Amino acid sequence: MPPETRPPRTVVVTGATRGIGRAIAERFVAAGDNVATLSRGSEVPDGVLAVPGDVTDSAAVDAGFTAIEERFGPVEVLVANAGITRDGLLMRMSDDDFDAVLDVNLVGAFRCARRASKGMIRQRRGRIILISSVVGLYGGPGQVNYAASKAGLVGVARSITRELGGRGITANVVAPGFIQTAMTDALPQAQQDSYLAAIPAARFAQASEVAGVVEFLAGPDAGYISGAVIPVDGGLGMGH
């Protein structure tokens, strides 16, 4: 349904200040939706409501969602995108570095999905989209914590699907590969070339290409897709 012929949805995108999350938030704003994010003070895209919140704090997540619901109504679409990295070799990785990454990337997504599901169950509709990574299924040296957190999102989405699928709620995972960002642009050319050599598409993705897949999963044509893992990686992780 074109944006002009449907009412705006209430959409929450975590981690909307930069990169993929920013592109996703901007895509929903352009579609005419009411878009909000939980913010710790960083600049958010135009048209996005920022409410104080931290995905590692259940009380803060609850308060943030309550503020969003009071402004826009029940949350219909959740995009759990907030993520951090603390890379390090297995033998040297501290408990803190492992726990911190899981607390944001995996438990943070769970906290947001748990809170968003309350309104979705009442409405008997909802879209939960968890942003994983090709690393979650492909693995990455020095990224045991990050890969574990991103792989865990698959189990979250599939369990939500089995639990809430009969209530008009879908839960899916999007697994981006390498995205063209300021961070990848800053890599030495030799390193960029080695990454590109492993990608059948022979290029990095644009953040907007991930946002387009997320927008589709949130829309009416994706109502029968749930528990899926959709790679947006140019073929890098085929078979994983």
C-alpha atoms as a PDB file:
ATOM      1  CA  MET A   1       0.000   0.000   0.000  1.00  0.00           C
ATOM      2  CA  PRO A   2       1.510   3.381  -0.940  1.00  0.00           C
ATOM      3  CA  PRO A   3       2.375   5.606   2.056  1.00  0.00           C
ATOM      4  CA  GLU A   4      -0.257   8.175   1.115  1.00  0.00           C
ATOM      5  CA  THR A   5      -3.084   5.619   1.321  1.00  0.00           C
ATOM      6  CA  ARG A   6      -2.299   4.048   4.682  1.00  0.00           C
ATOM      7  CA  PRO A   7      -2.109   5.529   8.168  1.00  0.00           C
ATOM      8  CA  PRO A   8       1.369   6.072   9.594  1.00  0.00           C
ATOM      9  CA  ARG A   9       2.741   3.236  11.692  1.00  0.00           C
ATOM     10  CA  THR A  10       4.619   3.612  14.960  1.00  0.00           C
ATOM     11  CA  VAL A  11       8.143   2.382  14.244  1.00  0.00           C
ATOM     12  CA  VAL A  12      11.001   2.028  16.748  1.00  0.00           C
ATOM     13  CA  VAL A  13      14.543   1.707  15.385  1.00  0.00           C
ATOM     14  CA  THR A  14      17.304   1.231  17.939  1.00  0.00           C
ATOM     15  CA  GLY A  15      20.774   2.427  17.057  1.00  0.00           C
ATOM     16  CA  ALA A  16      19.362   5.015  14.643  1.00  0.00           C
ATOM     17  CA  THR A  17      22.146   7.597  14.956  1.00  0.00           C
ATOM     18  CA  ARG A  18      24.482   6.263  12.269  1.00  0.00           C
ATOM     19  CA  GLY A  19      25.152   3.669   9.610  1.00  0.00           C
ATOM     20  CA  ILE A  20      22.516   1.046   8.880  1.00  0.00           C
ATOM     21  CA  GLY A  21      20.209   2.159  11.692  1.00  0.00           C
ATOM     22  CA  ARG A  22      20.173   5.716  10.420  1.00  0.00           C
ATOM     23  CA  ALA A  23      19.382   4.584   6.883  1.00  0.00           C
ATOM     24  CA  ILE A  24      16.546   2.386   8.176  1.00  0.00           C
ATOM     25  CA  ALA A  25      15.053   5.212  10.252  1.00  0.00           C
ATOM     26  CA  GLU A  26      15.261   7.604   7.307  1.00  0.00           C
ATOM     27  CA  ARG A  27      13.517   5.067   5.066  1.00  0.00           C
ATOM     28  CA  PHE A  28      10.547   4.778   7.427  1.00  0.00           C
ATOM     29  CA  VAL A  29      10.355   8.569   7.845  1.00  0.00           C
ATOM     30  CA  ALA A  30      10.259   8.914   4.045  1.00  0.00           C
ATOM     31  CA  ALA A  31       7.418   6.361   3.960  1.00  0.00           C
ATOM     32  CA  GLY A  32       5.355   8.617   6.227  1.00  0.00           C
ATOM     33  CA  ASP A  33       5.672   6.596   9.430  1.00  0.00           C
ATOM     34  CA  ASN A  34       6.089   7.899  12.967  1.00  0.00           C
ATOM     35  CA  VAL A  35       9.632   6.874  13.805  1.00  0.00           C
ATOM     36  CA  ALA A  36      11.277   6.903  17.228  1.00  0.00           C
ATOM     37  CA  THR A  37      14.501   5.695  18.779  1.00  0.00           C
ATOM     38  CA  LEU A  38      15.960   5.199  22.221  1.00  0.00           C
ATOM     39  CA  SER A  39      18.746   7.735  22.519  1.00  0.00           C
ATOM     40  CA  ARG A  40      21.654   8.352  24.850  1.00  0.00           C
ATOM     41  CA  GLY A  41      22.141  11.867  23.554  1.00  0.00           C
ATOM     42  CA  SER A  42      23.501  11.316  20.046  1.00  0.00           C
ATOM     43  CA  GLU A  43      22.135  13.192  17.050  1.00  0.00           C
ATOM     44  CA  VAL A  44      19.243  11.446  15.302  1.00  0.00           C
ATOM     45  CA  PRO A  45      17.968  11.847  11.724  1.00  0.00           C
ATOM     46  CA  ASP A  46      15.425  14.554  10.912  1.00  0.00           C
ATOM     47  CA  GLY A  47      11.894  13.467  11.665  1.00  0.00           C
ATOM     48  CA  VAL A  48      12.886  10.860  14.255  1.00  0.00           C
ATOM     49  CA  LEU A  49      11.643  11.222  17.825  1.00  0.00           C
ATOM     50  CA  ALA A  50      14.461  10.587  20.291  1.00  0.00           C
ATOM     51  CA  VAL A  51      13.454   9.450  23.756  1.00  0.00           C
ATOM     52  CA  PRO A  52      15.953   8.745  26.529  1.00  0.00           C
ATOM     53  CA  GLY A  53      16.737   5.067  26.732  1.00  0.00           C
ATOM     54  CA  ASP A  54      19.442   2.437  26.981  1.00  0.00           C
ATOM     55  CA  VAL A  55      18.868  -1.096  25.674  1.00  0.00           C
ATOM     56  CA  THR A  56      20.957  -2.546  28.514  1.00  0.00           C
ATOM     57  CA  ASP A  57      18.461  -1.251  31.104  1.00  0.00           C
ATOM     58  CA  SER A  58      15.030  -2.905  31.188  1.00  0.00           C
ATOM     59  CA  ALA A  59      13.441  -0.066  33.168  1.00  0.00           C
ATOM     60  CA  ALA A  60      14.792   2.490  30.702  1.00  0.00           C
ATOM     61  CA  VAL A  61      13.498   0.448  27.761  1.00  0.00           C
ATOM     62  CA  ASP A  62      10.063   0.280  29.377  1.00  0.00           C
ATOM     63  CA  ALA A  63      10.029   4.023  30.059  1.00  0.00           C
ATOM     64  CA  GLY A  64      11.200   4.802  26.536  1.00  0.00           C
ATOM     65  CA  PHE A  65       8.534   2.654  24.892  1.00  0.00           C
ATOM     66  CA  THR A  66       5.898   4.155  27.182  1.00  0.00           C
ATOM     67  CA  ALA A  67       6.897   7.668  26.078  1.00  0.00           C
ATOM     68  CA  ILE A  68       6.784   6.624  22.410  1.00  0.00           C
ATOM     69  CA  GLU A  69       3.359   5.009  22.831  1.00  0.00           C
ATOM     70  CA  GLU A  70       2.001   8.107  24.550  1.00  0.00           C
ATOM     71  CA  ARG A  71       3.147  10.203  21.594  1.00  0.00           C
ATOM     72  CA  PHE A  72       2.369   7.944  18.627  1.00  0.00           C
ATOM     73  CA  GLY A  73       0.307   4.997  19.839  1.00  0.00           C
ATOM     74  CA  PRO A  74       1.250   1.317  20.092  1.00  0.00           C
ATOM     75  CA  VAL A  75       4.479   0.207  18.458  1.00  0.00           C
ATOM     76  CA  GLU A  76       3.749  -1.744  15.273  1.00  0.00           C
ATOM     77  CA  VAL A  77       7.288  -2.198  13.943  1.00  0.00           C
ATOM     78  CA  LEU A  78      10.453  -2.810  15.957  1.00  0.00           C
ATOM     79  CA  VAL A  79      13.863  -2.805  14.296  1.00  0.00           C
ATOM     80  CA  ALA A  80      16.427  -3.937  16.865  1.00  0.00           C
ATOM     81  CA  ASN A  81      19.658  -2.631  15.380  1.00  0.00           C
ATOM     82  CA  ALA A  82      21.703  -1.293  18.303  1.00  0.00           C
ATOM     83  CA  GLY A  83      25.070  -3.009  18.434  1.00  0.00           C
ATOM     84  CA  ILE A  84      28.639  -2.689  19.643  1.00  0.00           C
ATOM     85  CA  THR A  85      31.903  -4.524  19.048  1.00  0.00           C
ATOM     86  CA  ARG A  86      34.764  -5.291  21.393  1.00  0.00           C
ATOM     87  CA  ASP A  87      36.979  -7.425  19.204  1.00  0.00           C
ATOM     88  CA  GLY A  88      39.819  -9.480  20.589  1.00  0.00           C
ATOM     89  CA  LEU A  89      41.414 -12.878  20.260  1.00  0.00           C
ATOM     90  CA  LEU A  90      39.716 -15.671  22.187  1.00  0.00           C
ATOM     91  CA  MET A  91      42.572 -16.259  24.634  1.00  0.00           C
ATOM     92  CA  ARG A  92      42.727 -12.573  25.532  1.00  0.00           C
ATOM     93  CA  MET A  93      39.027 -11.713  25.552  1.00  0.00           C
ATOM     94  CA  SER A  94      37.853 -10.689  29.000  1.00  0.00           C
ATOM     95  CA  ASP A  95      34.531 -11.654  30.563  1.00  0.00           C
ATOM     96  CA  ASP A  96      33.602  -7.972  30.498  1.00  0.00           C
ATOM     97  CA  ASP A  97      34.222  -7.700  26.758  1.00  0.00           C
ATOM     98  CA  PHE A  98      32.124 -10.807  26.116  1.00  0.00           C
ATOM     99  CA  ASP A  99      29.310  -9.802  28.458  1.00  0.00           C
ATOM    100  CA  ALA A 100      29.108  -6.181  27.244  1.00  0.00           C
ATOM    101  CA  VAL A 101      28.658  -7.174  23.602  1.00  0.00           C
ATOM    102  CA  LEU A 102      25.987  -9.766  24.392  1.00  0.00           C
ATOM    103  CA  ASP A 103      24.194  -7.343  26.726  1.00  0.00           C
ATOM    104  CA  VAL A 104      23.743  -4.756  23.962  1.00  0.00           C
ATOM    105  CA  ASN A 105      23.468  -6.861  20.832  1.00  0.00           C
ATOM    106  CA  LEU A 106      21.489  -9.871  22.041  1.00  0.00           C
ATOM    107  CA  VAL A 107      19.917  -9.135  25.418  1.00  0.00           C
ATOM    108  CA  GLY A 108      19.172  -5.554  24.296  1.00  0.00           C
ATOM    109  CA  ALA A 109      17.224  -6.887  21.326  1.00  0.00           C
ATOM    110  CA  PHE A 110      15.366  -9.274  23.644  1.00  0.00           C
ATOM    111  CA  ARG A 111      14.470  -6.443  26.045  1.00  0.00           C
ATOM    112  CA  CYS A 112      13.060  -4.340  23.210  1.00  0.00           C
ATOM    113  CA  ALA A 113      11.188  -7.248  21.620  1.00  0.00           C
ATOM    114  CA  ARG A 114       9.690  -8.226  24.974  1.00  0.00           C
ATOM    115  CA  ARG A 115       8.435  -4.683  25.569  1.00  0.00           C
ATOM    116  CA  ALA A 116       7.196  -4.133  22.005  1.00  0.00           C
ATOM    117  CA  SER A 117       5.347  -7.465  22.004  1.00  0.00           C
ATOM    118  CA  LYS A 118       2.912  -6.284  24.682  1.00  0.00           C
ATOM    119  CA  GLY A 119       1.203  -3.823  22.368  1.00  0.00           C
ATOM    120  CA  MET A 120       1.565  -6.093  19.347  1.00  0.00           C
ATOM    121  CA  ILE A 121      -0.257  -8.923  21.135  1.00  0.00           C
ATOM    122  CA  ARG A 122      -3.121  -6.583  22.024  1.00  0.00           C
ATOM    123  CA  GLN A 123      -3.331  -5.332  18.432  1.00  0.00           C
ATOM    124  CA  ARG A 124      -2.873  -8.818  16.984  1.00  0.00           C
ATOM    125  CA  ARG A 125      -0.292  -7.513  14.551  1.00  0.00           C
ATOM    126  CA  GLY A 126       3.335  -6.500  14.552  1.00  0.00           C
ATOM    127  CA  ARG A 127       6.700  -6.764  12.850  1.00  0.00           C
ATOM    128  CA  ILE A 128       9.908  -7.524  14.746  1.00  0.00           C
ATOM    129  CA  ILE A 129      13.092  -7.242  12.674  1.00  0.00           C
ATOM    130  CA  LEU A 130      16.423  -8.087  14.255  1.00  0.00           C
ATOM    131  CA  ILE A 131      19.600  -6.813  12.579  1.00  0.00           C
ATOM    132  CA  SER A 132      22.231  -9.529  12.729  1.00  0.00           C
ATOM    133  CA  SER A 133      25.377  -9.856  10.604  1.00  0.00           C
ATOM    134  CA  VAL A 134      26.964 -12.247   8.152  1.00  0.00           C
ATOM    135  CA  VAL A 135      29.535 -12.741  10.933  1.00  0.00           C
ATOM    136  CA  GLY A 136      26.826 -14.347  13.081  1.00  0.00           C
ATOM    137  CA  LEU A 137      26.679 -17.375  10.807  1.00  0.00           C
ATOM    138  CA  TYR A 138      30.002 -17.128   8.954  1.00  0.00           C
ATOM    139  CA  GLY A 139      32.159 -16.416  11.995  1.00  0.00           C
ATOM    140  CA  GLY A 140      34.987 -13.928  12.322  1.00  0.00           C
ATOM    141  CA  PRO A 141      38.435 -14.165  13.878  1.00  0.00           C
ATOM    142  CA  GLY A 142      38.643 -12.019  16.979  1.00  0.00           C
ATOM    143  CA  GLN A 143      34.855 -11.751  17.116  1.00  0.00           C
ATOM    144  CA  VAL A 144      33.687 -14.653  19.277  1.00  0.00           C
ATOM    145  CA  ASN A 145      31.539 -12.266  21.338  1.00  0.00           C
ATOM    146  CA  TYR A 146      30.078 -10.382  18.371  1.00  0.00           C
ATOM    147  CA  ALA A 147      29.403 -13.539  16.334  1.00  0.00           C
ATOM    148  CA  ALA A 148      27.722 -15.223  19.305  1.00  0.00           C
ATOM    149  CA  SER A 149      25.501 -12.206  19.908  1.00  0.00           C
ATOM    150  CA  LYS A 150      24.460 -11.986  16.274  1.00  0.00           C
ATOM    151  CA  ALA A 151      23.891 -15.744  15.890  1.00  0.00           C
ATOM    152  CA  GLY A 152      21.714 -15.673  19.002  1.00  0.00           C
ATOM    153  CA  LEU A 153      19.273 -13.335  17.288  1.00  0.00           C
ATOM    154  CA  VAL A 154      18.263 -16.188  14.982  1.00  0.00           C
ATOM    155  CA  GLY A 155      17.088 -18.238  17.953  1.00  0.00           C
ATOM    156  CA  VAL A 156      15.244 -15.218  19.333  1.00  0.00           C
ATOM    157  CA  ALA A 157      13.376 -14.567  16.073  1.00  0.00           C
ATOM    158  CA  ARG A 158      12.457 -18.200  15.518  1.00  0.00           C
ATOM    159  CA  SER A 159      11.234 -18.666  19.083  1.00  0.00           C
ATOM    160  CA  ILE A 160       9.123 -15.484  18.844  1.00  0.00           C
ATOM    161  CA  THR A 161       7.707 -16.801  15.566  1.00  0.00           C
ATOM    162  CA  ARG A 162       6.631 -20.060  17.196  1.00  0.00           C
ATOM    163  CA  GLU A 163       5.232 -18.254  20.228  1.00  0.00           C
ATOM    164  CA  LEU A 164       3.442 -15.322  18.576  1.00  0.00           C
ATOM    165  CA  GLY A 165       3.014 -16.324  14.937  1.00  0.00           C
ATOM    166  CA  GLY A 166      -0.675 -17.034  15.439  1.00  0.00           C
ATOM    167  CA  ARG A 167      -1.272 -13.483  16.623  1.00  0.00           C
ATOM    168  CA  GLY A 168      -0.322 -11.735  13.392  1.00  0.00           C
ATOM    169  CA  ILE A 169       3.227 -11.013  14.577  1.00  0.00           C
ATOM    170  CA  THR A 170       6.278 -11.828  12.478  1.00  0.00           C
ATOM    171  CA  ALA A 171       9.905 -11.926  13.604  1.00  0.00           C
ATOM    172  CA  ASN A 172      12.752 -12.002  11.101  1.00  0.00           C
ATOM    173  CA  VAL A 173      16.505 -11.533  10.956  1.00  0.00           C
ATOM    174  CA  VAL A 174      18.406  -9.429   8.430  1.00  0.00           C
ATOM    175  CA  ALA A 175      22.087 -10.329   8.148  1.00  0.00           C
ATOM    176  CA  PRO A 176      24.102  -7.617   6.387  1.00  0.00           C
ATOM    177  CA  GLY A 177      27.597  -8.201   5.065  1.00  0.00           C
ATOM    178  CA  PHE A 178      30.159  -5.457   4.536  1.00  0.00           C
ATOM    179  CA  ILE A 179      28.527  -2.047   4.239  1.00  0.00           C
ATOM    180  CA  GLN A 180      30.144   1.012   2.683  1.00  0.00           C
ATOM    181  CA  THR A 181      30.575   3.400   5.604  1.00  0.00           C
ATOM    182  CA  ALA A 182      33.175   5.882   6.798  1.00  0.00           C
ATOM    183  CA  MET A 183      34.694   2.960   8.713  1.00  0.00           C
ATOM    184  CA  THR A 184      35.165   0.736   5.649  1.00  0.00           C
ATOM    185  CA  ASP A 185      36.321   3.707   3.551  1.00  0.00           C
ATOM    186  CA  ALA A 186      39.091   4.302   6.092  1.00  0.00           C
ATOM    187  CA  LEU A 187      40.482   0.765   5.812  1.00  0.00           C
ATOM    188  CA  PRO A 188      43.788   0.344   3.970  1.00  0.00           C
ATOM    189  CA  GLN A 189      43.210  -0.375   0.285  1.00  0.00           C
ATOM    190  CA  ALA A 190      44.859  -3.795   0.536  1.00  0.00           C
ATOM    191  CA  GLN A 191      42.441  -4.773   3.293  1.00  0.00           C
ATOM    192  CA  GLN A 192      39.461  -3.493   1.303  1.00  0.00           C
ATOM    193  CA  ASP A 193      40.664  -5.480  -1.706  1.00  0.00           C
ATOM    194  CA  SER A 194      40.939  -8.691   0.339  1.00  0.00           C
ATOM    195  CA  TYR A 195      37.372  -8.265   1.606  1.00  0.00           C
ATOM    196  CA  LEU A 196      36.067  -7.493  -1.881  1.00  0.00           C
ATOM    197  CA  ALA A 197      37.768 -10.597  -3.281  1.00  0.00           C
ATOM    198  CA  ALA A 198      35.622 -12.762  -0.981  1.00  0.00           C
ATOM    199  CA  ILE A 199      32.332 -11.096  -2.009  1.00  0.00           C
ATOM    200  CA  PRO A 200      30.773 -12.488  -5.207  1.00  0.00           C
ATOM    201  CA  ALA A 201      29.104  -9.128  -5.866  1.00  0.00           C
ATOM    202  CA  ALA A 202      32.613  -7.548  -5.798  1.00  0.00           C
ATOM    203  CA  ARG A 203      31.446  -4.482  -3.919  1.00  0.00           C
ATOM    204  CA  PHE A 204      30.330  -3.360  -0.487  1.00  0.00           C
ATOM    205  CA  ALA A 205      26.619  -2.766   0.129  1.00  0.00           C
ATOM    206  CA  GLN A 206      25.028   0.607   0.580  1.00  0.00           C
ATOM    207  CA  ALA A 207      23.208   1.059   3.880  1.00  0.00           C
ATOM    208  CA  SER A 208      20.108   1.931   1.853  1.00  0.00           C
ATOM    209  CA  GLU A 209      20.108  -1.592   0.394  1.00  0.00           C
ATOM    210  CA  VAL A 210      19.739  -3.049   3.891  1.00  0.00           C
ATOM    211  CA  ALA A 211      17.062  -0.469   4.716  1.00  0.00           C
ATOM    212  CA  GLY A 212      15.061  -1.533   1.663  1.00  0.00           C
ATOM    213  CA  VAL A 213      14.950  -5.150   2.835  1.00  0.00           C
ATOM    214  CA  VAL A 214      13.877  -4.047   6.322  1.00  0.00           C
ATOM    215  CA  GLU A 215      11.138  -1.867   4.844  1.00  0.00           C
ATOM    216  CA  PHE A 216       9.861  -4.839   2.829  1.00  0.00           C
ATOM    217  CA  LEU A 217       9.791  -7.111   5.899  1.00  0.00           C
ATOM    218  CA  ALA A 218       7.787  -4.458   7.770  1.00  0.00           C
ATOM    219  CA  GLY A 219       5.256  -4.141   4.972  1.00  0.00           C
ATOM    220  CA  PRO A 220       2.058  -5.910   3.971  1.00  0.00           C
ATOM    221  CA  ASP A 221       3.688  -8.120   1.330  1.00  0.00           C
ATOM    222  CA  ALA A 222       5.841  -9.864   3.959  1.00  0.00           C
ATOM    223  CA  GLY A 223       3.037 -11.027   6.220  1.00  0.00           C
ATOM    224  CA  TYR A 224       3.791 -14.710   5.563  1.00  0.00           C
ATOM    225  CA  ILE A 225       7.545 -14.428   6.122  1.00  0.00           C
ATOM    226  CA  SER A 226       8.592 -15.202   9.671  1.00  0.00           C
ATOM    227  CA  GLY A 227      11.563 -16.852  11.319  1.00  0.00           C
ATOM    228  CA  ALA A 228      13.613 -16.141   8.202  1.00  0.00           C
ATOM    229  CA  VAL A 229      17.256 -15.109   8.003  1.00  0.00           C
ATOM    230  CA  ILE A 230      17.701 -12.809   5.033  1.00  0.00           C
ATOM    231  CA  PRO A 231      21.306 -12.120   4.044  1.00  0.00           C
ATOM    232  CA  VAL A 232      22.173  -8.795   2.429  1.00  0.00           C
ATOM    233  CA  ASP A 233      25.807  -9.614   1.794  1.00  0.00           C
ATOM    234  CA  GLY A 234      26.429  -9.881  -1.937  1.00  0.00           C
ATOM    235  CA  GLY A 235      26.738 -13.668  -1.615  1.00  0.00           C
ATOM    236  CA  LEU A 236      29.543 -13.599   0.953  1.00  0.00           C
ATOM    237  CA  GLY A 237      27.939 -16.043   3.384  1.00  0.00           C
ATOM    238  CA  MET A 238      26.214 -18.413   0.958  1.00  0.00           C
ATOM    239  CA  GLY A 239      25.226 -21.657   2.636  1.00  0.00           C
ATOM    240  CA  HIS A 240      25.722 -20.376   6.182  1.00  0.00           C
END
